[in-house]
PDB file of N, CA and C in Angstrom:
ATOM      1  N   UNK A   1     122.080  94.437  92.926  1.00  0.00           N
ATOM      2  CA  UNK A   1     121.372  94.713  91.705  1.00  0.00           C
ATOM      3  C   UNK A   1     120.921  96.173  91.737  1.00  0.00           C
ATOM      4  N   UNK A   2     120.978  96.814  90.571  1.00  0.00           N
ATOM      5  CA  UNK A   2     120.503  98.183  90.460  1.00  0.00           C
ATOM      6  C   UNK A   2     119.368  98.256  89.438  1.00  0.00           C
ATOM      7  N   UNK A   3     118.528  99.275  89.608  1.00  0.00           N
ATOM      8  CA  UNK A   3     117.451  99.545  88.659  1.00  0.00           C
ATOM      9  C   UNK A   3     117.596 100.978  88.183  1.00  0.00           C
ATOM     10  N   UNK A   4     117.477 101.168  86.879  1.00  0.00           N
ATOM     11  CA  UNK A   4     117.455 102.501  86.295  1.00  0.00           C
ATOM     12  C   UNK A   4     116.102 102.636  85.624  1.00  0.00           C
ATOM     13  N   UNK A   5     115.397 103.708  85.971  1.00  0.00           N
ATOM     14  CA  UNK A   5     114.029 103.910  85.493  1.00  0.00           C
ATOM     15  C   UNK A   5     113.929 105.280  84.836  1.00  0.00           C
ATOM     16  N   UNK A   6     113.410 105.297  83.623  1.00  0.00           N
ATOM     17  CA  UNK A   6     113.115 106.548  82.922  1.00  0.00           C
ATOM     18  C   UNK A   6     111.610 106.552  82.707  1.00  0.00           C
ATOM     19  N   UNK A   7     110.924 107.517  83.334  1.00  0.00           N
ATOM     20  CA  UNK A   7     109.468 107.460  83.340  1.00  0.00           C
ATOM     21  C   UNK A   7     108.826 108.747  82.834  1.00  0.00           C
ATOM     22  N   UNK A   8     107.789 108.546  82.040  1.00  0.00           N
ATOM     23  CA  UNK A   8     106.892 109.620  81.650  1.00  0.00           C
ATOM     24  C   UNK A   8     105.548 109.369  82.311  1.00  0.00           C
ATOM     25  N   UNK A   9     104.549 110.099  81.881  1.00  0.00           N
ATOM     26  CA  UNK A   9     103.216 109.926  82.460  1.00  0.00           C
ATOM     27  C   UNK A   9     102.524 108.662  81.985  1.00  0.00           C
ATOM     28  N   UNK A  10     102.875 108.184  80.792  1.00  0.00           N
ATOM     29  CA  UNK A  10     102.171 107.035  80.216  1.00  0.00           C
ATOM     30  C   UNK A  10     102.851 105.705  80.479  1.00  0.00           C
ATOM     31  N   UNK A  11     104.202 105.689  80.457  1.00  0.00           N
ATOM     32  CA  UNK A  11     104.901 104.433  80.743  1.00  0.00           C
ATOM     33  C   UNK A  11     106.266 104.721  81.340  1.00  0.00           C
ATOM     34  N   UNK A  12     106.795 103.701  82.012  1.00  0.00           N
ATOM     35  CA  UNK A  12     108.143 103.738  82.593  1.00  0.00           C
ATOM     36  C   UNK A  12     108.980 102.678  81.902  1.00  0.00           C
ATOM     37  N   UNK A  13     110.201 103.023  81.600  1.00  0.00           N
ATOM     38  CA  UNK A  13     111.129 102.096  80.966  1.00  0.00           C
ATOM     39  C   UNK A  13     112.169 101.698  82.015  1.00  0.00           C
ATOM     40  N   UNK A  14     112.257 100.412  82.314  1.00  0.00           N
ATOM     41  CA  UNK A  14     113.103  99.877  83.377  1.00  0.00           C
ATOM     42  C   UNK A  14     114.258  99.060  82.817  1.00  0.00           C
ATOM     43  N   UNK A  15     115.415  99.145  83.478  1.00  0.00           N
ATOM     44  CA  UNK A  15     116.529  98.241  83.246  1.00  0.00           C
ATOM     45  C   UNK A  15     117.021  97.781  84.606  1.00  0.00           C
ATOM     46  N   UNK A  16     117.164  96.487  84.765  1.00  0.00           N
ATOM     47  CA  UNK A  16     117.736  95.902  85.977  1.00  0.00           C
ATOM     48  C   UNK A  16     119.085  95.308  85.614  1.00  0.00           C
ATOM     49  N   UNK A  17     120.090  95.627  86.409  1.00  0.00           N
ATOM     50  CA  UNK A  17     121.447  95.159  86.112  1.00  0.00           C
ATOM     51  C   UNK A  17     122.095  94.630  87.382  1.00  0.00           C
ATOM     52  N   UNK A  18     122.984  93.669  87.181  1.00  0.00           N
ATOM     53  CA  UNK A  18     123.745  93.101  88.289  1.00  0.00           C
ATOM     54  C   UNK A  18     125.172  92.883  87.817  1.00  0.00           C
ATOM     55  N   UNK A  19     126.116  93.414  88.571  1.00  0.00           N
ATOM     56  CA  UNK A  19     127.541  93.277  88.256  1.00  0.00           C
ATOM     57  C   UNK A  19     127.839  93.725  86.827  1.00  0.00           C
ATOM     58  N   UNK A  20     127.239  94.836  86.416  1.00  0.00           N
ATOM     59  CA  UNK A  20     127.523  95.424  85.110  1.00  0.00           C
ATOM     60  C   UNK A  20     126.812  94.786  83.933  1.00  0.00           C
ATOM     61  N   UNK A  21     125.977  93.805  84.183  1.00  0.00           N
ATOM     62  CA  UNK A  21     125.260  93.147  83.094  1.00  0.00           C
ATOM     63  C   UNK A  21     123.763  93.362  83.256  1.00  0.00           C
ATOM     64  N   UNK A  22     123.106  93.725  82.150  1.00  0.00           N
ATOM     65  CA  UNK A  22     121.657  93.927  82.191  1.00  0.00           C
ATOM     66  C   UNK A  22     120.976  92.574  82.321  1.00  0.00           C
ATOM     67  N   UNK A  23     120.145  92.452  83.333  1.00  0.00           N
ATOM     68  CA  UNK A  23     119.404  91.210  83.584  1.00  0.00           C
ATOM     69  C   UNK A  23     118.113  91.206  82.775  1.00  0.00           C
ATOM     70  N   UNK A  24     117.408  92.350  82.813  1.00  0.00           N
ATOM     71  CA  UNK A  24     116.152  92.449  82.084  1.00  0.00           C
ATOM     72  C   UNK A  24     115.808  93.909  81.852  1.00  0.00           C
ATOM     73  N   UNK A  25     114.977  94.132  80.877  1.00  0.00           N
ATOM     74  CA  UNK A  25     114.419  95.446  80.601  1.00  0.00           C
ATOM     75  C   UNK A  25     112.940  95.277  80.285  1.00  0.00           C
ATOM     76  N   UNK A  26     112.127  96.196  80.730  1.00  0.00           N
ATOM     77  CA  UNK A  26     110.684  96.082  80.510  1.00  0.00           C
ATOM     78  C   UNK A  26     110.025  97.436  80.700  1.00  0.00           C
ATOM     79  N   UNK A  27     108.782  97.523  80.305  1.00  0.00           N
ATOM     80  CA  UNK A  27     107.984  98.732  80.494  1.00  0.00           C
ATOM     81  C   UNK A  27     106.889  98.464  81.521  1.00  0.00           C
ATOM     82  N   UNK A  28     106.535  99.512  82.263  1.00  0.00           N
ATOM     83  CA  UNK A  28     105.426  99.433  83.206  1.00  0.00           C
ATOM     84  C   UNK A  28     104.607 100.713  83.068  1.00  0.00           C
ATOM     85  N   UNK A  29     103.600 100.840  83.897  1.00  0.00           N
ATOM     86  CA  UNK A  29     102.773 102.043  83.888  1.00  0.00           C
ATOM     87  C   UNK A  29     103.637 103.258  84.232  1.00  0.00           C
ATOM     88  N   UNK A  30     103.261 104.416  83.696  1.00  0.00           N
ATOM     89  CA  UNK A  30     103.994 105.640  83.968  1.00  0.00           C
ATOM     90  C   UNK A  30     103.857 106.093  85.407  1.00  0.00           C
ATOM     91  N   UNK A  31     104.894 106.774  85.892  1.00  0.00           N
ATOM     92  CA  UNK A  31     104.904 107.310  87.249  1.00  0.00           C
ATOM     93  C   UNK A  31     105.252 108.787  87.151  1.00  0.00           C
ATOM     94  N   UNK A  32     104.294 109.635  87.441  1.00  0.00           N
ATOM     95  CA  UNK A  32     104.487 111.078  87.434  1.00  0.00           C
ATOM     96  C   UNK A  32     103.930 111.618  88.747  1.00  0.00           C
ATOM     97  N   UNK A  33     104.800 112.015  89.684  1.00  0.00           N
ATOM     98  CA  UNK A  33     104.318 112.458  90.993  1.00  0.00           C
ATOM     99  C   UNK A  33     103.493 113.745  90.942  1.00  0.00           C
ATOM    100  N   UNK A  34     103.548 114.430  89.835  1.00  0.00           N
ATOM    101  CA  UNK A  34     102.708 115.621  89.666  1.00  0.00           C
ATOM    102  C   UNK A  34     101.263 115.228  89.363  1.00  0.00           C
ATOM    103  N   UNK A  35     101.069 114.073  88.737  1.00  0.00           N
ATOM    104  CA  UNK A  35      99.741 113.619  88.323  1.00  0.00           C
ATOM    105  C   UNK A  35      99.193 112.464  89.161  1.00  0.00           C
ATOM    106  N   UNK A  36     100.086 111.641  89.705  1.00  0.00           N
ATOM    107  CA  UNK A  36      99.672 110.405  90.371  1.00  0.00           C
ATOM    108  C   UNK A  36      99.888 110.482  91.878  1.00  0.00           C
ATOM    109  N   UNK A  37      98.928 109.935  92.628  1.00  0.00           N
ATOM    110  CA  UNK A  37      99.058 109.909  94.088  1.00  0.00           C
ATOM    111  C   UNK A  37      99.858 108.679  94.534  1.00  0.00           C
ATOM    112  N   UNK A  38     100.146 108.614  95.838  1.00  0.00           N
ATOM    113  CA  UNK A  38     100.943 107.515  96.393  1.00  0.00           C
ATOM    114  C   UNK A  38     100.347 106.151  96.075  1.00  0.00           C
ATOM    115  N   UNK A  39      99.042 106.033  96.236  1.00  0.00           N
ATOM    116  CA  UNK A  39      98.368 104.755  96.015  1.00  0.00           C
ATOM    117  C   UNK A  39      98.526 104.289  94.573  1.00  0.00           C
ATOM    118  N   UNK A  40      98.353 105.193  93.616  1.00  0.00           N
ATOM    119  CA  UNK A  40      98.519 104.844  92.199  1.00  0.00           C
ATOM    120  C   UNK A  40      99.938 104.352  91.939  1.00  0.00           C
ATOM    121  N   UNK A  41     100.929 105.077  92.469  1.00  0.00           N
ATOM    122  CA  UNK A  41     102.325 104.707  92.229  1.00  0.00           C
ATOM    123  C   UNK A  41     102.610 103.328  92.821  1.00  0.00           C
ATOM    124  N   UNK A  42     102.177 103.093  94.055  1.00  0.00           N
ATOM    125  CA  UNK A  42     102.421 101.798  94.688  1.00  0.00           C
ATOM    126  C   UNK A  42     101.727 100.674  93.914  1.00  0.00           C
ATOM    127  N   UNK A  43     100.488 100.898  93.505  1.00  0.00           N
ATOM    128  CA  UNK A  43      99.758  99.879  92.747  1.00  0.00           C
ATOM    129  C   UNK A  43     100.416  99.595  91.400  1.00  0.00           C
ATOM    130  N   UNK A  44     100.963 100.627  90.760  1.00  0.00           N
ATOM    131  CA  UNK A  44     101.625 100.395  89.473  1.00  0.00           C
ATOM    132  C   UNK A  44     102.880  99.542  89.656  1.00  0.00           C
ATOM    133  N   UNK A  45     103.611  99.742  90.737  1.00  0.00           N
ATOM    134  CA  UNK A  45     104.770  98.893  91.027  1.00  0.00           C
ATOM    135  C   UNK A  45     104.325  97.463  91.300  1.00  0.00           C
ATOM    136  N   UNK A  46     103.234  97.328  92.017  1.00  0.00           N
ATOM    137  CA  UNK A  46     102.728  96.024  92.422  1.00  0.00           C
ATOM    138  C   UNK A  46     102.078  95.242  91.280  1.00  0.00           C
ATOM    139  N   UNK A  47     101.880  95.860  90.132  1.00  0.00           N
ATOM    140  CA  UNK A  47     101.303  95.165  88.972  1.00  0.00           C
ATOM    141  C   UNK A  47     102.360  94.489  88.108  1.00  0.00           C
ATOM    142  N   UNK A  48     103.619  94.729  88.410  1.00  0.00           N
ATOM    143  CA  UNK A  48     104.694  94.136  87.620  1.00  0.00           C
ATOM    144  C   UNK A  48     105.253  92.902  88.317  1.00  0.00           C
ATOM    145  N   UNK A  49     105.062  91.748  87.708  1.00  0.00           N
ATOM    146  CA  UNK A  49     105.616  90.509  88.274  1.00  0.00           C
ATOM    147  C   UNK A  49     107.133  90.572  88.350  1.00  0.00           C
ATOM    148  N   UNK A  50     107.764  91.212  87.385  1.00  0.00           N
ATOM    149  CA  UNK A  50     109.223  91.330  87.402  1.00  0.00           C
ATOM    150  C   UNK A  50     109.674  92.102  88.630  1.00  0.00           C
ATOM    151  N   UNK A  51     109.007  93.236  88.917  1.00  0.00           N
ATOM    152  CA  UNK A  51     109.382  94.018  90.094  1.00  0.00           C
ATOM    153  C   UNK A  51     109.111  93.268  91.382  1.00  0.00           C
ATOM    154  N   UNK A  52     108.010  92.571  91.434  1.00  0.00           N
ATOM    155  CA  UNK A  52     107.697  91.775  92.626  1.00  0.00           C
ATOM    156  C   UNK A  52     108.783  90.729  92.856  1.00  0.00           C
ATOM    157  N   UNK A  53     109.217  90.069  91.783  1.00  0.00           N
ATOM    158  CA  UNK A  53     110.224  89.008  91.904  1.00  0.00           C
ATOM    159  C   UNK A  53     111.598  89.532  92.302  1.00  0.00           C
ATOM    160  N   UNK A  54     111.971  90.746  91.857  1.00  0.00           N
ATOM    161  CA  UNK A  54     113.304  91.283  92.116  1.00  0.00           C
ATOM    162  C   UNK A  54     113.359  92.334  93.230  1.00  0.00           C
ATOM    163  N   UNK A  55     112.223  92.710  93.806  1.00  0.00           N
ATOM    164  CA  UNK A  55     112.164  93.835  94.754  1.00  0.00           C
ATOM    165  C   UNK A  55     113.188  93.724  95.885  1.00  0.00           C
ATOM    166  N   UNK A  56     113.335  92.576  96.481  1.00  0.00           N
ATOM    167  CA  UNK A  56     114.254  92.427  97.608  1.00  0.00           C
ATOM    168  C   UNK A  56     115.716  92.413  97.185  1.00  0.00           C
ATOM    169  N   UNK A  57     115.982  92.070  95.936  1.00  0.00           N
ATOM    170  CA  UNK A  57     117.361  92.005  95.450  1.00  0.00           C
ATOM    171  C   UNK A  57     117.883  93.361  94.985  1.00  0.00           C
ATOM    172  N   UNK A  58     116.991  94.282  94.672  1.00  0.00           N
ATOM    173  CA  UNK A  58     117.401  95.598  94.174  1.00  0.00           C
ATOM    174  C   UNK A  58     117.933  96.424  95.337  1.00  0.00           C
ATOM    175  N   UNK A  59     119.173  96.846  95.217  1.00  0.00           N
ATOM    176  CA  UNK A  59     119.844  97.595  96.287  1.00  0.00           C
ATOM    177  C   UNK A  59     119.952  99.089  95.991  1.00  0.00           C
ATOM    178  N   UNK A  60     119.846  99.462  94.722  1.00  0.00           N
ATOM    179  CA  UNK A  60     119.967 100.870  94.342  1.00  0.00           C
ATOM    180  C   UNK A  60     119.044 101.147  93.166  1.00  0.00           C
ATOM    181  N   UNK A  61     118.359 102.298  93.229  1.00  0.00           N
ATOM    182  CA  UNK A  61     117.441 102.703  92.156  1.00  0.00           C
ATOM    183  C   UNK A  61     117.761 104.126  91.746  1.00  0.00           C
ATOM    184  N   UNK A  62     117.882 104.324  90.442  1.00  0.00           N
ATOM    185  CA  UNK A  62     118.032 105.653  89.861  1.00  0.00           C
ATOM    186  C   UNK A  62     116.756 105.904  89.053  1.00  0.00           C
ATOM    187  N   UNK A  63     115.921 106.809  89.547  1.00  0.00           N
ATOM    188  CA  UNK A  63     114.637 107.116  88.917  1.00  0.00           C
ATOM    189  C   UNK A  63     114.699 108.510  88.312  1.00  0.00           C
ATOM    190  N   UNK A  64     114.433 108.600  87.006  1.00  0.00           N
ATOM    191  CA  UNK A  64     114.367 109.867  86.298  1.00  0.00           C
ATOM    192  C   UNK A  64     112.970 109.967  85.701  1.00  0.00           C
ATOM    193  N   UNK A  65     112.180 110.931  86.188  1.00  0.00           N
ATOM    194  CA  UNK A  65     110.792 110.951  85.753  1.00  0.00           C
ATOM    195  C   UNK A  65     110.206 112.329  85.529  1.00  0.00           C
ATOM    196  N   UNK A  66     109.245 112.353  84.621  1.00  0.00           N
ATOM    197  CA  UNK A  66     108.460 113.563  84.406  1.00  0.00           C
ATOM    198  C   UNK A  66     107.763 113.917  85.711  1.00  0.00           C
ATOM    199  N   UNK A  67     107.727 115.197  86.036  1.00  0.00           N
ATOM    200  CA  UNK A  67     107.052 115.642  87.240  1.00  0.00           C
ATOM    201  C   UNK A  67     107.893 115.541  88.500  1.00  0.00           C
ATOM    202  N   UNK A  68     109.127 115.090  88.386  1.00  0.00           N
ATOM    203  CA  UNK A  68     109.990 114.923  89.568  1.00  0.00           C
ATOM    204  C   UNK A  68     110.945 116.110  89.709  1.00  0.00           C
ATOM    205  N   UNK A  69     110.412 117.310  89.591  1.00  0.00           N
ATOM    206  CA  UNK A  69     111.268 118.489  89.584  1.00  0.00           C
ATOM    207  C   UNK A  69     111.389 119.181  90.938  1.00  0.00           C
ATOM    208  N   UNK A  70     110.413 119.059  91.799  1.00  0.00           N
ATOM    209  CA  UNK A  70     110.467 119.755  93.089  1.00  0.00           C
ATOM    210  C   UNK A  70     110.844 118.775  94.206  1.00  0.00           C
ATOM    211  N   UNK A  71     111.361 119.297  95.317  1.00  0.00           N
ATOM    212  CA  UNK A  71     111.693 118.415  96.444  1.00  0.00           C
ATOM    213  C   UNK A  71     110.488 117.608  96.937  1.00  0.00           C
ATOM    214  N   UNK A  72     109.307 118.211  96.939  1.00  0.00           N
ATOM    215  CA  UNK A  72     108.101 117.513  97.412  1.00  0.00           C
ATOM    216  C   UNK A  72     107.752 116.340  96.504  1.00  0.00           C
ATOM    217  N   UNK A  73     107.871 116.529  95.216  1.00  0.00           N
ATOM    218  CA  UNK A  73     107.534 115.455  94.269  1.00  0.00           C
ATOM    219  C   UNK A  73     108.584 114.345  94.301  1.00  0.00           C
ATOM    220  N   UNK A  74     109.841 114.734  94.443  1.00  0.00           N
ATOM    221  CA  UNK A  74     110.898 113.723  94.573  1.00  0.00           C
ATOM    222  C   UNK A  74     110.662 112.887  95.833  1.00  0.00           C
ATOM    223  N   UNK A  75     110.283 113.559  96.920  1.00  0.00           N
ATOM    224  CA  UNK A  75     110.010 112.872  98.188  1.00  0.00           C
ATOM    225  C   UNK A  75     108.857 111.883  98.046  1.00  0.00           C
ATOM    226  N   UNK A  76     107.842 112.254  97.264  1.00  0.00           N
ATOM    227  CA  UNK A  76     106.706 111.343  97.049  1.00  0.00           C
ATOM    228  C   UNK A  76     107.192 110.052  96.400  1.00  0.00           C
ATOM    229  N   UNK A  77     107.991 110.164  95.343  1.00  0.00           N
ATOM    230  CA  UNK A  77     108.513 108.968  94.668  1.00  0.00           C
ATOM    231  C   UNK A  77     109.389 108.174  95.633  1.00  0.00           C
ATOM    232  N   UNK A  78     110.260 108.844  96.353  1.00  0.00           N
ATOM    233  CA  UNK A  78     111.143 108.153  97.299  1.00  0.00           C
ATOM    234  C   UNK A  78     110.353 107.419  98.367  1.00  0.00           C
ATOM    235  N   UNK A  79     109.337 108.068  98.899  1.00  0.00           N
ATOM    236  CA  UNK A  79     108.524 107.466  99.971  1.00  0.00           C
ATOM    237  C   UNK A  79     107.845 106.182  99.491  1.00  0.00           C
ATOM    238  N   UNK A  80     107.222 106.229  98.325  1.00  0.00           N
ATOM    239  CA  UNK A  80     106.508 105.052  97.819  1.00  0.00           C
ATOM    240  C   UNK A  80     107.483 103.962  97.401  1.00  0.00           C
ATOM    241  N   UNK A  81     108.563 104.337  96.710  1.00  0.00           N
ATOM    242  CA  UNK A  81     109.539 103.342  96.293  1.00  0.00           C
ATOM    243  C   UNK A  81     110.179 102.665  97.511  1.00  0.00           C
ATOM    244  N   UNK A  82     110.455 103.437  98.565  1.00  0.00           N
ATOM    245  CA  UNK A  82     111.066 102.857  99.758  1.00  0.00           C
ATOM    246  C   UNK A  82     110.140 101.834 100.415  1.00  0.00           C
ATOM    247  N   UNK A  83     108.852 102.074 100.331  1.00  0.00           N
ATOM    248  CA  UNK A  83     107.887 101.120 100.869  1.00  0.00           C
ATOM    249  C   UNK A  83     107.902  99.815 100.071  1.00  0.00           C
ATOM    250  N   UNK A  84     108.067  99.914  98.752  1.00  0.00           N
ATOM    251  CA  UNK A  84     108.044  98.735  97.882  1.00  0.00           C
ATOM    252  C   UNK A  84     109.411  98.045  97.835  1.00  0.00           C
ATOM    253  N   UNK A  85     110.475  98.840  97.663  1.00  0.00           N
ATOM    254  CA  UNK A  85     111.844  98.312  97.576  1.00  0.00           C
ATOM    255  C   UNK A  85     112.532  98.550  98.917  1.00  0.00           C
ATOM    256  N   UNK A  86     112.323  97.669  99.862  1.00  0.00           N
ATOM    257  CA  UNK A  86     112.746  97.872 101.242  1.00  0.00           C
ATOM    258  C   UNK A  86     114.264  97.888 101.433  1.00  0.00           C
ATOM    259  N   UNK A  87     115.019  97.280 100.533  1.00  0.00           N
ATOM    260  CA  UNK A  87     116.469  97.182 100.674  1.00  0.00           C
ATOM    261  C   UNK A  87     117.239  98.160  99.796  1.00  0.00           C
ATOM    262  N   UNK A  88     116.540  99.069  99.134  1.00  0.00           N
ATOM    263  CA  UNK A  88     117.187  99.918  98.132  1.00  0.00           C
ATOM    264  C   UNK A  88     117.421 101.344  98.625  1.00  0.00           C
ATOM    265  N   UNK A  89     118.531 101.904  98.162  1.00  0.00           N
ATOM    266  CA  UNK A  89     118.745 103.337  98.294  1.00  0.00           C
ATOM    267  C   UNK A  89     118.267 103.967  96.991  1.00  0.00           C
ATOM    268  N   UNK A  90     117.791 105.213  97.080  1.00  0.00           N
ATOM    269  CA  UNK A  90     117.126 105.825  95.936  1.00  0.00           C
ATOM    270  C   UNK A  90     117.761 107.140  95.530  1.00  0.00           C
ATOM    271  N   UNK A  91     117.784 107.354  94.224  1.00  0.00           N
ATOM    272  CA  UNK A  91     118.143 108.643  93.649  1.00  0.00           C
ATOM    273  C   UNK A  91     116.995 109.003  92.719  1.00  0.00           C
ATOM    274  N   UNK A  92     116.359 110.149  92.963  1.00  0.00           N
ATOM    275  CA  UNK A  92     115.215 110.580  92.161  1.00  0.00           C
ATOM    276  C   UNK A  92     115.513 111.954  91.579  1.00  0.00           C
ATOM    277  N   UNK A  93     115.297 112.100  90.276  1.00  0.00           N
ATOM    278  CA  UNK A  93     115.449 113.403  89.637  1.00  0.00           C
ATOM    279  C   UNK A  93     114.523 113.466  88.431  1.00  0.00           C
ATOM    280  N   UNK A  94     114.470 114.629  87.817  1.00  0.00           N
ATOM    281  CA  UNK A  94     113.565 114.815  86.684  1.00  0.00           C
ATOM    282  C   UNK A  94     114.091 114.135  85.423  1.00  0.00           C
ATOM    283  N   UNK A  95     113.202 113.888  84.493  1.00  0.00           N
ATOM    284  CA  UNK A  95     113.538 113.148  83.279  1.00  0.00           C
ATOM    285  C   UNK A  95     114.615 113.833  82.445  1.00  0.00           C
ATOM    286  N   UNK A  96     114.655 115.148  82.451  1.00  0.00           N
ATOM    287  CA  UNK A  96     115.657 115.858  81.652  1.00  0.00           C
ATOM    288  C   UNK A  96     117.071 115.581  82.169  1.00  0.00           C
ATOM    289  N   UNK A  97     117.220 115.371  83.466  1.00  0.00           N
ATOM    290  CA  UNK A  97     118.525 115.019  84.036  1.00  0.00           C
ATOM    291  C   UNK A  97     118.937 113.631  83.537  1.00  0.00           C
ATOM    292  N   UNK A  98     118.006 112.701  83.508  1.00  0.00           N
ATOM    293  CA  UNK A  98     118.298 111.369  82.982  1.00  0.00           C
ATOM    294  C   UNK A  98     118.714 111.412  81.524  1.00  0.00           C
ATOM    295  N   UNK A  99     118.034 112.244  80.740  1.00  0.00           N
ATOM    296  CA  UNK A  99     118.386 112.378  79.325  1.00  0.00           C
ATOM    297  C   UNK A  99     119.789 112.962  79.175  1.00  0.00           C
ATOM    298  N   UNK A 100     120.119 113.974  79.984  1.00  0.00           N
ATOM    299  CA  UNK A 100     121.444 114.587  79.908  1.00  0.00           C
ATOM    300  C   UNK A 100     122.535 113.597  80.318  1.00  0.00           C
ATOM    301  N   UNK A 101     122.309 112.866  81.413  1.00  0.00           N
ATOM    302  CA  UNK A 101     123.306 111.892  81.856  1.00  0.00           C
ATOM    303  C   UNK A 101     123.517 110.780  80.839  1.00  0.00           C
ATOM    304  N   UNK A 102     122.443 110.323  80.219  1.00  0.00           N
ATOM    305  CA  UNK A 102     122.585 109.236  79.247  1.00  0.00           C
ATOM    306  C   UNK A 102     123.289 109.724  77.977  1.00  0.00           C
ATOM    307  N   UNK A 103     123.181 110.998  77.675  1.00  0.00           N
ATOM    308  CA  UNK A 103     123.818 111.550  76.490  1.00  0.00           C
ATOM    309  C   UNK A 103     125.260 111.975  76.767  1.00  0.00           C
ATOM    310  N   UNK A 104     125.494 112.646  77.896  1.00  0.00           N
ATOM    311  CA  UNK A 104     126.783 113.269  78.165  1.00  0.00           C
ATOM    312  C   UNK A 104     127.659 112.512  79.156  1.00  0.00           C
ATOM    313  N   UNK A 105     127.039 111.683  79.994  1.00  0.00           N
ATOM    314  CA  UNK A 105     127.823 111.011  81.034  1.00  0.00           C
ATOM    315  C   UNK A 105     128.409 112.038  81.976  1.00  0.00           C
ATOM    316  N   UNK A 106     129.726 112.001  82.182  1.00  0.00           N
ATOM    317  CA  UNK A 106     130.403 112.948  83.062  1.00  0.00           C
ATOM    318  C   UNK A 106     130.962 114.164  82.316  1.00  0.00           C
ATOM    319  N   UNK A 107     130.745 114.233  81.008  1.00  0.00           N
ATOM    320  CA  UNK A 107     131.250 115.352  80.208  1.00  0.00           C
ATOM    321  C   UNK A 107     130.349 116.564  80.316  1.00  0.00           C
ATOM    322  N   UNK A 108     130.909 117.743  80.102  1.00  0.00           N
ATOM    323  CA  UNK A 108     130.124 118.970  80.096  1.00  0.00           C
ATOM    324  C   UNK A 108     129.283 119.020  78.824  1.00  0.00           C
ATOM    325  N   UNK A 109     128.121 119.657  78.953  1.00  0.00           N
ATOM    326  CA  UNK A 109     127.258 119.759  77.768  1.00  0.00           C
ATOM    327  C   UNK A 109     126.470 121.041  77.757  1.00  0.00           C
TER     328      UNK A 109
END
């Protein structure tokens, strides 16, 4: 199962998919490593029953978020997510990269 997350400071938009089919989509609290500390991020993940139920099944996460522009901020998200999603590999980048990928895919833009 994979998770794709597009996050701003106020809310995160999640999609969970398995074998090419979307299982569920939902919103959670926003995750911005520029504004939020590790504890806040972990607690926001832990407030979602959906994430708690699927955490062990998620094998890959693509996180695109506001404030995830520097290596230090990306590392913060990776560190906290790895603690919560123990079986997942992570890709973290800024929200503008997620917007470009969703619009252009593999095409030049």
